[in-house]
C-alpha atoms as a PDB file:
ATOM      1  CA  MET A   1     -63.108  11.135 192.746  1.00  0.00           C
ATOM      2  CA  THR A   2     -64.625  10.328 196.165  1.00  0.00           C
ATOM      3  CA  ASP A   3     -67.819  11.580 197.816  1.00  0.00           C
ATOM      4  CA  ASP A   4     -65.835  13.513 200.425  1.00  0.00           C
ATOM      5  CA  GLU A   5     -63.755  15.266 197.757  1.00  0.00           C
ATOM      6  CA  PRO A   6     -66.254  16.724 195.260  1.00  0.00           C
ATOM      7  CA  GLY A   7     -64.619  18.201 192.208  1.00  0.00           C
ATOM      8  CA  ARG A   8     -61.154  16.971 193.201  1.00  0.00           C
ATOM      9  CA  TYR A   9     -60.572  15.302 189.825  1.00  0.00           C
ATOM     10  CA  GLU A  10     -61.583  18.409 187.905  1.00  0.00           C
ATOM     11  CA  ILE A  11     -59.411  20.657 190.104  1.00  0.00           C
ATOM     12  CA  GLU A  12     -56.364  18.458 189.502  1.00  0.00           C
ATOM     13  CA  ASN A  13     -57.025  18.628 185.742  1.00  0.00           C
ATOM     14  CA  VAL A  14     -57.172  22.422 185.862  1.00  0.00           C
ATOM     15  CA  LYS A  15     -53.951  22.527 187.894  1.00  0.00           C
ATOM     16  CA  ALA A  16     -52.219  20.307 185.332  1.00  0.00           C
ATOM     17  CA  ASP A  17     -53.430  22.460 182.425  1.00  0.00           C
ATOM     18  CA  LEU A  18     -52.176  25.629 184.148  1.00  0.00           C
ATOM     19  CA  ARG A  19     -48.685  24.062 184.067  1.00  0.00           C
ATOM     20  CA  SER A  20     -49.023  22.720 180.527  1.00  0.00           C
ATOM     21  CA  LYS A  21     -46.539  23.651 177.797  1.00  0.00           C
ATOM     22  CA  SER A  22     -49.522  24.253 175.512  1.00  0.00           C
ATOM     23  CA  GLY A  23     -50.812  27.822 175.406  1.00  0.00           C
ATOM     24  CA  PRO A  24     -54.385  26.739 174.462  1.00  0.00           C
ATOM     25  CA  ALA A  25     -54.428  24.285 177.383  1.00  0.00           C
ATOM     26  CA  ARG A  26     -53.362  27.022 179.818  1.00  0.00           C
ATOM     27  CA  ALA A  27     -55.971  29.367 178.359  1.00  0.00           C
ATOM     28  CA  GLY A  28     -58.622  26.643 178.652  1.00  0.00           C
ATOM     29  CA  ALA A  29     -57.791  26.171 182.326  1.00  0.00           C
ATOM     30  CA  ALA A  30     -58.052  29.916 182.940  1.00  0.00           C
ATOM     31  CA  ARG A  31     -61.428  30.100 181.173  1.00  0.00           C
ATOM     32  CA  ALA A  32     -62.694  27.139 183.221  1.00  0.00           C
ATOM     33  CA  ILE A  33     -61.786  28.978 186.437  1.00  0.00           C
ATOM     34  CA  LEU A  34     -63.508  32.137 185.184  1.00  0.00           C
ATOM     35  CA  ASP A  35     -66.644  30.196 184.197  1.00  0.00           C
ATOM     36  CA  VAL A  36     -66.975  28.398 187.529  1.00  0.00           C
ATOM     37  CA  GLY A  37     -65.566  31.167 189.759  1.00  0.00           C
ATOM     38  CA  GLY A  38     -66.461  31.048 193.439  1.00  0.00           C
ATOM     39  CA  GLU A  39     -64.839  28.240 195.399  1.00  0.00           C
ATOM     40  CA  LEU A  40     -62.790  27.023 192.417  1.00  0.00           C
ATOM     41  CA  SER A  41     -61.216  30.458 191.982  1.00  0.00           C
ATOM     42  CA  THR A  42     -60.432  30.645 195.709  1.00  0.00           C
ATOM     43  CA  ALA A  43     -59.058  27.076 195.826  1.00  0.00           C
ATOM     44  CA  LEU A  44     -56.698  27.763 192.928  1.00  0.00           C
ATOM     45  CA  ASP A  45     -55.624  31.270 194.015  1.00  0.00           C
ATOM     46  CA  LEU A  46     -51.976  30.320 194.564  1.00  0.00           C
ATOM     47  CA  GLU A  47     -51.788  28.190 191.394  1.00  0.00           C
ATOM     48  CA  VAL A  48     -53.134  31.100 189.325  1.00  0.00           C
ATOM     49  CA  ARG A  49     -50.510  33.458 190.782  1.00  0.00           C
ATOM     50  CA  GLU A  50     -47.729  30.964 190.082  1.00  0.00           C
ATOM     51  CA  ALA A  51     -49.023  30.540 186.519  1.00  0.00           C
ATOM     52  CA  LEU A  52     -49.049  34.329 186.051  1.00  0.00           C
ATOM     53  CA  ALA A  53     -45.451  34.553 187.276  1.00  0.00           C
ATOM     54  CA  ARG A  54     -44.213  32.256 184.494  1.00  0.00           C
ATOM     55  CA  GLU A  55     -46.731  33.029 181.703  1.00  0.00           C
ATOM     56  CA  ASP A  56     -45.252  34.572 178.521  1.00  0.00           C
ATOM     57  CA  LEU A  57     -48.354  34.729 176.286  1.00  0.00           C
ATOM     58  CA  PRO A  58     -50.143  38.096 176.619  1.00  0.00           C
ATOM     59  CA  TRP A  59     -53.630  36.678 175.945  1.00  0.00           C
ATOM     60  CA  VAL A  60     -53.233  34.000 178.625  1.00  0.00           C
ATOM     61  CA  ARG A  61     -51.799  36.573 181.045  1.00  0.00           C
ATOM     62  CA  GLY A  62     -54.916  38.660 180.479  1.00  0.00           C
ATOM     63  CA  LEU A  63     -57.166  35.746 181.471  1.00  0.00           C
ATOM     64  CA  LEU A  64     -55.114  35.040 184.604  1.00  0.00           C
ATOM     65  CA  LEU A  65     -55.241  38.706 185.625  1.00  0.00           C
ATOM     66  CA  GLU A  66     -59.009  38.672 185.074  1.00  0.00           C
ATOM     67  CA  ILE A  67     -59.273  35.750 187.534  1.00  0.00           C
ATOM     68  CA  LEU A  68     -57.303  37.662 190.151  1.00  0.00           C
ATOM     69  CA  GLU A  69     -59.371  40.799 189.662  1.00  0.00           C
ATOM     70  CA  ALA A  70     -62.631  38.815 189.929  1.00  0.00           C
ATOM     71  CA  GLY A  71     -61.386  37.199 193.129  1.00  0.00           C
ATOM     72  CA  SER A  72     -60.250  40.426 194.779  1.00  0.00           C
ATOM     73  CA  PRO A  73     -62.540  40.007 197.833  1.00  0.00           C
ATOM     74  CA  ALA A  74     -60.330  37.054 198.818  1.00  0.00           C
ATOM     75  CA  PHE A  75     -57.307  39.347 199.088  1.00  0.00           C
ATOM     76  CA  VAL A  76     -56.315  40.564 202.534  1.00  0.00           C
ATOM     77  CA  GLU A  77     -57.296  44.131 203.336  1.00  0.00           C
ATOM     78  CA  GLY A  78     -54.532  44.563 205.887  1.00  0.00           C
ATOM     79  CA  VAL A  79     -52.578  42.204 208.100  1.00  0.00           C
ATOM     80  CA  VAL A  80     -49.661  42.656 210.471  1.00  0.00           C
ATOM     81  CA  VAL A  81     -46.976  40.124 209.641  1.00  0.00           C
ATOM     82  CA  PRO A  82     -45.208  38.873 212.775  1.00  0.00           C
ATOM     83  CA  ALA A  83     -41.635  37.680 212.736  1.00  0.00           C
ATOM     84  CA  PRO A  84     -41.471  33.997 211.694  1.00  0.00           C
ATOM     85  CA  SER A  85     -40.869  30.669 213.419  1.00  0.00           C
ATOM     86  CA  TRP A  86     -38.389  31.620 216.145  1.00  0.00           C
ATOM     87  CA  ASP A  87     -40.498  34.509 217.431  1.00  0.00           C
ATOM     88  CA  GLN A  88     -42.255  32.166 219.883  1.00  0.00           C
ATOM     89  CA  PRO A  89     -41.484  32.623 223.606  1.00  0.00           C
ATOM     90  CA  PHE A  90     -39.063  30.249 225.341  1.00  0.00           C
ATOM     91  CA  GLU A  91     -40.088  29.385 228.889  1.00  0.00           C
ATOM     92  CA  GLY A  92     -37.587  30.748 231.373  1.00  0.00           C
ATOM     93  CA  VAL A  93     -35.335  32.273 228.695  1.00  0.00           C
ATOM     94  CA  PRO A  94     -35.196  36.041 228.063  1.00  0.00           C
ATOM     95  CA  PRO A  95     -36.399  36.779 224.470  1.00  0.00           C
ATOM     96  CA  GLU A  96     -33.162  38.395 223.318  1.00  0.00           C
ATOM     97  CA  LEU A  97     -31.049  35.510 224.668  1.00  0.00           C
ATOM     98  CA  ALA A  98     -33.341  33.036 222.904  1.00  0.00           C
ATOM     99  CA  ARG A  99     -32.975  34.923 219.606  1.00  0.00           C
ATOM    100  CA  GLN A 100     -29.193  35.041 219.936  1.00  0.00           C
ATOM    101  CA  SER A 101     -29.046  31.309 220.680  1.00  0.00           C
ATOM    102  CA  LEU A 102     -31.218  30.470 217.701  1.00  0.00           C
ATOM    103  CA  ASN A 103     -29.189  32.790 215.486  1.00  0.00           C
ATOM    104  CA  THR A 104     -25.952  31.040 216.454  1.00  0.00           C
ATOM    105  CA  SER A 105     -27.462  27.576 216.033  1.00  0.00           C
ATOM    106  CA  ALA A 106     -28.958  28.444 212.633  1.00  0.00           C
ATOM    107  CA  ARG A 107     -25.620  29.744 211.347  1.00  0.00           C
ATOM    108  CA  ARG A 108     -23.783  26.603 212.489  1.00  0.00           C
ATOM    109  CA  VAL A 109     -26.314  24.304 210.824  1.00  0.00           C
ATOM    110  CA  LEU A 110     -26.279  26.378 207.643  1.00  0.00           C
ATOM    111  CA  HIS A 111     -22.486  26.229 207.539  1.00  0.00           C
ATOM    112  CA  GLU A 112     -22.624  22.425 207.484  1.00  0.00           C
ATOM    113  CA  VAL A 113     -25.594  22.142 205.129  1.00  0.00           C
ATOM    114  CA  SER A 114     -24.170  24.661 202.634  1.00  0.00           C
ATOM    115  CA  ALA A 115     -20.956  22.655 202.420  1.00  0.00           C
ATOM    116  CA  ILE A 116     -22.948  19.484 201.667  1.00  0.00           C
ATOM    117  CA  VAL A 117     -25.015  21.251 199.005  1.00  0.00           C
ATOM    118  CA  GLY A 118     -21.796  22.543 197.419  1.00  0.00           C
ATOM    119  CA  ARG A 119     -20.362  19.030 197.254  1.00  0.00           C
ATOM    120  CA  LEU A 120     -23.616  17.717 195.782  1.00  0.00           C
ATOM    121  CA  ASP A 121     -23.467  20.371 193.081  1.00  0.00           C
ATOM    122  CA  LEU A 122     -19.905  19.414 192.119  1.00  0.00           C
ATOM    123  CA  ALA A 123     -20.740  15.694 192.131  1.00  0.00           C
ATOM    124  CA  ALA A 124     -23.842  16.196 189.982  1.00  0.00           C
ATOM    125  CA  ARG A 125     -21.946  18.278 187.441  1.00  0.00           C
ATOM    126  CA  ASP A 126     -19.208  15.644 187.290  1.00  0.00           C
ATOM    127  CA  GLU A 127     -21.574  12.673 186.913  1.00  0.00           C
ATOM    128  CA  LEU A 128     -24.125  14.249 184.565  1.00  0.00           C
ATOM    129  CA  GLU A 129     -21.562  16.294 182.578  1.00  0.00           C
ATOM    130  CA  ALA A 130     -23.314  17.817 179.545  1.00  0.00           C
ATOM    131  CA  GLY A 131     -26.684  16.593 180.817  1.00  0.00           C
ATOM    132  CA  PHE A 132     -26.493  18.722 183.962  1.00  0.00           C
ATOM    133  CA  GLY A 133     -27.561  22.015 182.416  1.00  0.00           C
ATOM    134  CA  GLY A 134     -31.339  22.259 182.212  1.00  0.00           C
ATOM    135  CA  SER A 135     -31.833  19.020 184.161  1.00  0.00           C
ATOM    136  CA  GLU A 136     -34.250  18.576 187.051  1.00  0.00           C
ATOM    137  CA  THR A 137     -31.215  17.902 189.257  1.00  0.00           C
ATOM    138  CA  ALA A 138     -29.765  21.297 188.346  1.00  0.00           C
ATOM    139  CA  ARG A 139     -33.083  23.041 189.057  1.00  0.00           C
ATOM    140  CA  GLU A 140     -33.523  21.353 192.433  1.00  0.00           C
ATOM    141  CA  LEU A 141     -29.932  22.125 193.451  1.00  0.00           C
ATOM    142  CA  ALA A 142     -30.358  25.764 192.445  1.00  0.00           C
ATOM    143  CA  PHE A 143     -33.524  25.947 194.551  1.00  0.00           C
ATOM    144  CA  LEU A 144     -31.755  24.291 197.511  1.00  0.00           C
ATOM    145  CA  GLN A 145     -28.930  26.822 197.239  1.00  0.00           C
ATOM    146  CA  ALA A 146     -31.520  29.620 197.196  1.00  0.00           C
ATOM    147  CA  VAL A 147     -33.126  28.170 200.342  1.00  0.00           C
ATOM    148  CA  CYS A 148     -29.754  28.133 202.117  1.00  0.00           C
ATOM    149  CA  LYS A 149     -29.106  31.725 201.072  1.00  0.00           C
ATOM    150  CA  GLY A 150     -32.586  32.746 202.235  1.00  0.00           C
ATOM    151  CA  LEU A 151     -32.136  31.066 205.614  1.00  0.00           C
ATOM    152  CA  ARG A 152     -28.724  32.680 206.068  1.00  0.00           C
ATOM    153  CA  THR A 153     -30.203  36.097 205.330  1.00  0.00           C
ATOM    154  CA  LEU A 154     -33.148  35.391 207.620  1.00  0.00           C
ATOM    155  CA  ALA A 155     -30.770  34.443 210.430  1.00  0.00           C
ATOM    156  CA  SER A 156     -28.829  37.674 209.957  1.00  0.00           C
ATOM    157  CA  ALA A 157     -32.081  39.591 210.513  1.00  0.00           C
ATOM    158  CA  THR A 158     -32.105  38.442 214.167  1.00  0.00           C
ATOM    159  CA  GLU A 159     -28.867  40.242 215.028  1.00  0.00           C
ATOM    160  CA  ALA A 160     -28.974  42.672 217.949  1.00  0.00           C
ATOM    161  CA  PRO A 161     -29.194  46.228 216.542  1.00  0.00           C
ATOM    162  CA  THR A 162     -26.086  48.410 216.277  1.00  0.00           C
ATOM    163  CA  LEU A 163     -27.383  51.973 216.478  1.00  0.00           C
ATOM    164  CA  THR A 164     -25.986  54.785 214.339  1.00  0.00           C
ATOM    165  CA  GLU A 165     -27.286  58.190 213.265  1.00  0.00           C
ATOM    166  CA  PHE A 166     -27.802  58.829 209.541  1.00  0.00           C
ATOM    167  CA  ASP A 167     -29.967  60.583 206.944  1.00  0.00           C
ATOM    168  CA  LEU A 168     -32.747  58.104 206.178  1.00  0.00           C
ATOM    169  CA  GLY A 169     -33.853  60.030 203.089  1.00  0.00           C
ATOM    170  CA  GLU A 170     -30.394  59.831 201.521  1.00  0.00           C
ATOM    171  CA  ARG A 171     -30.000  56.120 202.270  1.00  0.00           C
ATOM    172  CA  LEU A 172     -33.441  55.128 200.987  1.00  0.00           C
ATOM    173  CA  SER A 173     -32.974  57.181 197.804  1.00  0.00           C
ATOM    174  CA  GLU A 174     -29.777  55.236 197.122  1.00  0.00           C
ATOM    175  CA  VAL A 175     -31.593  51.917 197.631  1.00  0.00           C
ATOM    176  CA  ALA A 176     -34.359  53.052 195.247  1.00  0.00           C
ATOM    177  CA  ASP A 177     -31.791  53.912 192.565  1.00  0.00           C
ATOM    178  CA  THR A 178     -30.125  50.503 192.935  1.00  0.00           C
ATOM    179  CA  ILE A 179     -33.400  48.566 192.607  1.00  0.00           C
ATOM    180  CA  THR A 180     -34.364  50.685 189.582  1.00  0.00           C
ATOM    181  CA  GLN A 181     -31.092  49.809 187.837  1.00  0.00           C
ATOM    182  CA  ASN A 182     -31.013  46.128 188.778  1.00  0.00           C
ATOM    183  CA  TYR A 183     -34.660  45.351 187.983  1.00  0.00           C
ATOM    184  CA  VAL A 184     -35.346  47.907 185.222  1.00  0.00           C
ATOM    185  CA  CYS A 185     -38.401  48.905 187.243  1.00  0.00           C
ATOM    186  CA  PRO A 186     -38.778  52.580 188.214  1.00  0.00           C
ATOM    187  CA  VAL A 187     -38.786  53.156 191.969  1.00  0.00           C
ATOM    188  CA  LEU A 188     -39.910  56.670 192.860  1.00  0.00           C
ATOM    189  CA  ALA A 189     -38.491  57.755 196.224  1.00  0.00           C
ATOM    190  CA  ALA A 190     -40.121  60.617 198.131  1.00  0.00           C
ATOM    191  CA  GLY A 191     -39.949  61.902 201.683  1.00  0.00           C
ATOM    192  CA  PRO A 192     -38.311  64.529 203.861  1.00  0.00           C
ATOM    193  CA  SER A 193     -34.558  64.920 203.411  1.00  0.00           C
ATOM    194  CA  PRO A 194     -32.488  65.427 205.392  1.00  0.00           C
ATOM    195  CA  PHE A 195     -34.397  63.143 207.767  1.00  0.00           C
ATOM    196  CA  THR A 196     -32.055  62.101 210.565  1.00  0.00           C
ATOM    197  CA  VAL A 197     -32.835  58.895 212.462  1.00  0.00           C
ATOM    198  CA  THR A 198     -30.954  56.649 214.869  1.00  0.00           C
ATOM    199  CA  THR A 199     -31.332  52.925 214.187  1.00  0.00           C
ATOM    200  CA  ASP A 200     -29.469  49.960 212.664  1.00  0.00           C
ATOM    201  CA  TRP A 201     -29.051  50.621 208.939  1.00  0.00           C
ATOM    202  CA  ALA A 202     -27.924  47.036 208.184  1.00  0.00           C
ATOM    203  CA  LEU A 203     -31.174  45.601 209.552  1.00  0.00           C
ATOM    204  CA  LEU A 204     -33.343  48.332 208.050  1.00  0.00           C
ATOM    205  CA  SER A 205     -31.761  48.058 204.600  1.00  0.00           C
ATOM    206  CA  LEU A 206     -32.249  44.273 204.726  1.00  0.00           C
ATOM    207  CA  ALA A 207     -35.980  44.807 205.265  1.00  0.00           C
ATOM    208  CA  VAL A 208     -36.370  47.581 202.687  1.00  0.00           C
ATOM    209  CA  ASN A 209     -34.417  45.701 200.011  1.00  0.00           C
ATOM    210  CA  ASN A 210     -36.518  42.545 200.400  1.00  0.00           C
ATOM    211  CA  VAL A 211     -39.799  44.469 200.224  1.00  0.00           C
ATOM    212  CA  LEU A 212     -38.651  46.532 197.224  1.00  0.00           C
ATOM    213  CA  VAL A 213     -37.474  43.447 195.332  1.00  0.00           C
ATOM    214  CA  ASN A 214     -40.857  41.802 195.949  1.00  0.00           C
ATOM    215  CA  ALA A 215     -42.613  44.960 194.742  1.00  0.00           C
ATOM    216  CA  ALA A 216     -40.464  45.272 191.608  1.00  0.00           C
ATOM    217  CA  GLU A 217     -40.956  41.619 190.674  1.00  0.00           C
ATOM    218  CA  ALA A 218     -44.713  41.825 191.302  1.00  0.00           C
ATOM    219  CA  THR A 219     -44.931  44.928 189.119  1.00  0.00           C
ATOM    220  CA  LEU A 220     -42.921  43.369 186.295  1.00  0.00           C
ATOM    221  CA  LEU A 221     -44.953  40.149 186.185  1.00  0.00           C
ATOM    222  CA  THR A 222     -48.233  42.003 185.599  1.00  0.00           C
ATOM    223  CA  GLY A 223     -47.234  43.186 182.134  1.00  0.00           C
ATOM    224  CA  PRO A 224     -45.488  46.067 180.334  1.00  0.00           C
ATOM    225  CA  ILE A 225     -43.767  48.435 182.772  1.00  0.00           C
ATOM    226  CA  GLU A 226     -44.914  51.625 181.019  1.00  0.00           C
ATOM    227  CA  GLY A 227     -46.953  53.671 183.477  1.00  0.00           C
ATOM    228  CA  ARG A 228     -46.281  51.260 186.338  1.00  0.00           C
ATOM    229  CA  THR A 229     -43.886  52.285 189.087  1.00  0.00           C
ATOM    230  CA  VAL A 230     -43.014  51.316 192.640  1.00  0.00           C
ATOM    231  CA  ARG A 231     -43.201  54.089 195.223  1.00  0.00           C
ATOM    232  CA  LEU A 232     -41.001  54.325 198.297  1.00  0.00           C
ATOM    233  CA  ASN A 233     -42.056  56.935 200.865  1.00  0.00           C
ATOM    234  CA  TRP A 234     -40.792  57.660 204.369  1.00  0.00           C
ATOM    235  CA  GLY A 235     -41.498  59.965 207.274  1.00  0.00           C
ATOM    236  CA  SER A 236     -42.762  60.123 210.844  1.00  0.00           C
ATOM    237  CA  SER A 237     -45.500  57.814 212.103  1.00  0.00           C
ATOM    238  CA  ALA A 238     -47.335  56.939 215.305  1.00  0.00           C
ATOM    239  CA  ALA A 239     -44.714  54.212 215.877  1.00  0.00           C
ATOM    240  CA  GLY A 240     -41.860  56.666 215.316  1.00  0.00           C
ATOM    241  CA  VAL A 241     -40.633  56.240 211.732  1.00  0.00           C
ATOM    242  CA  HIS A 242     -42.066  54.520 208.663  1.00  0.00           C
ATOM    243  CA  ALA A 243     -40.908  53.429 205.211  1.00  0.00           C
ATOM    244  CA  THR A 244     -43.782  52.564 202.881  1.00  0.00           C
ATOM    245  CA  VAL A 245     -43.553  50.609 199.618  1.00  0.00           C
ATOM    246  CA  ILE A 246     -46.476  50.752 197.167  1.00  0.00           C
ATOM    247  CA  ASP A 247     -46.673  48.649 193.988  1.00  0.00           C
ATOM    248  CA  ARG A 248     -49.208  48.000 191.201  1.00  0.00           C
ATOM    249  CA  GLY A 249     -48.753  44.234 191.048  1.00  0.00           C
ATOM    250  CA  PRO A 250     -51.474  41.563 191.445  1.00  0.00           C
ATOM    251  CA  GLY A 251     -51.994  42.427 195.115  1.00  0.00           C
ATOM    252  CA  PRO A 252     -51.337  40.469 198.312  1.00  0.00           C
ATOM    253  CA  PRO A 253     -52.344  36.788 198.201  1.00  0.00           C
ATOM    254  CA  SER A 254     -55.007  35.403 200.509  1.00  0.00           C
ATOM    255  CA  PHE A 255     -52.556  33.145 202.368  1.00  0.00           C
ATOM    256  CA  LEU A 256     -51.239  36.234 204.202  1.00  0.00           C
ATOM    257  CA  ALA A 257     -54.518  36.370 206.099  1.00  0.00           C
ATOM    258  CA  ARG A 258     -53.550  33.059 207.699  1.00  0.00           C
ATOM    259  CA  PRO A 259     -50.626  32.600 210.126  1.00  0.00           C
ATOM    260  CA  PRO A 260     -47.573  33.484 207.976  1.00  0.00           C
ATOM    261  CA  LYS A 261     -44.899  30.960 207.208  1.00  0.00           C
ATOM    262  CA  THR A 262     -41.522  31.048 205.558  1.00  0.00           C
ATOM    263  CA  ARG A 263     -41.091  29.182 202.277  1.00  0.00           C
ATOM    264  CA  VAL A 264     -44.394  30.534 200.922  1.00  0.00           C
ATOM    265  CA  SER A 265     -44.100  32.438 197.670  1.00  0.00           C
ATOM    266  CA  THR A 266     -46.299  33.403 194.735  1.00  0.00           C
ATOM    267  CA  LYS A 267     -43.293  33.337 192.389  1.00  0.00           C
ATOM    268  CA  GLU A 268     -42.168  30.231 190.578  1.00  0.00           C
ATOM    269  CA  GLY A 269     -38.831  28.959 191.868  1.00  0.00           C
ATOM    270  CA  HIS A 270     -38.620  31.359 194.814  1.00  0.00           C
ATOM    271  CA  PRO A 271     -37.886  29.922 198.273  1.00  0.00           C
ATOM    272  CA  GLY A 272     -40.201  32.446 199.925  1.00  0.00           C
ATOM    273  CA  TYR A 273     -38.128  34.192 202.598  1.00  0.00           C
ATOM    274  CA  GLY A 274     -38.466  37.833 201.483  1.00  0.00           C
ATOM    275  CA  LEU A 275     -41.362  39.001 203.641  1.00  0.00           C
ATOM    276  CA  ALA A 276     -40.283  36.813 206.569  1.00  0.00           C
ATOM    277  CA  THR A 277     -36.801  38.361 206.457  1.00  0.00           C
ATOM    278  CA  ALA A 278     -38.208  41.897 206.305  1.00  0.00           C
ATOM    279  CA  SER A 279     -40.523  41.144 209.221  1.00  0.00           C
ATOM    280  CA  GLU A 280     -37.726  39.629 211.326  1.00  0.00           C
ATOM    281  CA  ALA A 281     -35.385  42.568 210.642  1.00  0.00           C
ATOM    282  CA  ILE A 282     -38.013  45.172 211.555  1.00  0.00           C
ATOM    283  CA  HIS A 283     -38.996  43.110 214.592  1.00  0.00           C
ATOM    284  CA  SER A 284     -35.349  43.270 215.699  1.00  0.00           C
ATOM    285  CA  LEU A 285     -35.694  47.071 215.613  1.00  0.00           C
ATOM    286  CA  GLY A 286     -38.818  46.906 217.806  1.00  0.00           C
ATOM    287  CA  GLY A 287     -41.213  47.573 214.927  1.00  0.00           C
ATOM    288  CA  GLU A 288     -43.700  45.749 212.739  1.00  0.00           C
ATOM    289  CA  VAL A 289     -44.660  45.123 209.096  1.00  0.00           C
ATOM    290  CA  LEU A 290     -48.180  45.781 207.801  1.00  0.00           C
ATOM    291  CA  VAL A 291     -49.334  44.431 204.420  1.00  0.00           C
ATOM    292  CA  GLN A 292     -52.536  45.713 202.825  1.00  0.00           C
ATOM    293  CA  ARG A 293     -54.289  45.711 199.464  1.00  0.00           C
ATOM    294  CA  ASN A 294     -54.565  48.981 197.526  1.00  0.00           C
ATOM    295  CA  ASP A 295     -57.965  50.197 196.349  1.00  0.00           C
ATOM    296  CA  VAL A 296     -56.589  50.586 192.812  1.00  0.00           C
ATOM    297  CA  GLY A 297     -54.794  47.225 192.844  1.00  0.00           C
ATOM    298  CA  GLY A 298     -51.386  46.196 194.092  1.00  0.00           C
ATOM    299  CA  THR A 299     -49.884  46.055 197.550  1.00  0.00           C
ATOM    300  CA  THR A 300     -48.797  48.507 200.225  1.00  0.00           C
ATOM    301  CA  VAL A 301     -46.201  47.361 202.752  1.00  0.00           C
ATOM    302  CA  ILE A 302     -45.589  49.633 205.739  1.00  0.00           C
ATOM    303  CA  LEU A 303     -42.417  49.170 207.767  1.00  0.00           C
ATOM    304  CA  SER A 304     -42.646  51.056 211.068  1.00  0.00           C
ATOM    305  CA  TRP A 305     -40.196  51.193 213.967  1.00  0.00           C
ATOM    306  CA  PRO A 306     -39.312  53.498 216.889  1.00  0.00           C
ATOM    307  CA  ASP A 307     -36.454  55.944 216.507  1.00  0.00           C
ATOM    308  CA  ALA A 308     -33.865  55.097 219.169  1.00  0.00           C
ATOM    309  CA  GLN A 309     -33.206  58.770 219.993  1.00  0.00           C
ATOM    310  CA  ALA A 310     -36.799  60.007 219.887  1.00  0.00           C
END
């Protein structure tokens, strides 16, 4: 430990114990964070959320949730999430042309990289044989494949909108039913129907699906699902149209209050493109994404965009 890094040694010990295979060690780390609180709790906010995402012991989960509840002032109250990296202006290039160029370039690079990752996967399976399953190589390859898939989906969110007229209430109700079945997490859909809008359903559904999956996973990781649901509402807004997703998970992490980045996730093993993809898709429709903390815990994500025929 150095003078310019007070407590660094202790923080690294707590981080290591949070990842320990020993339940008592993980519990000890959680109690240490609760005892010290303050700066230590804030410094380890992301580590605590990652630990909660993988924790399977109810009594340790309770301690981790207590840390998050005690640190609630560090959560963002509300922040507009801009579209990610390629949303910056290009000097002398019209924005839509820049987005199309980046979309094409990203797809070409991904095509090449995905082929290489596929060959690596085959080679690793061949060389490691029975030792491949459960190996660190297998885990890293799976994560790399997830990154490629996330980037491909993110690139698709920059497509120019193809406008069609449809019943938003009917479409969103179908999405809610699908998420409920796939994640065994009730999604309650409510809003006016029929509710006719004119927009690009492919882009909108990409955004809604990513936000709903995040909400379902956040709800499931906080404990038994009984009494906990995800709500999906829609209707008219000042921006034109809105779709709002409300969950009872741990709440939005403090890193959202800083400039957002892709590849940032509170879930173990996730590449972290969900919110970025939703933001890019809604941005392509001329709208925005707002993330805010609920008074009773959890997160509200508001997707708002103008109706093309309004």
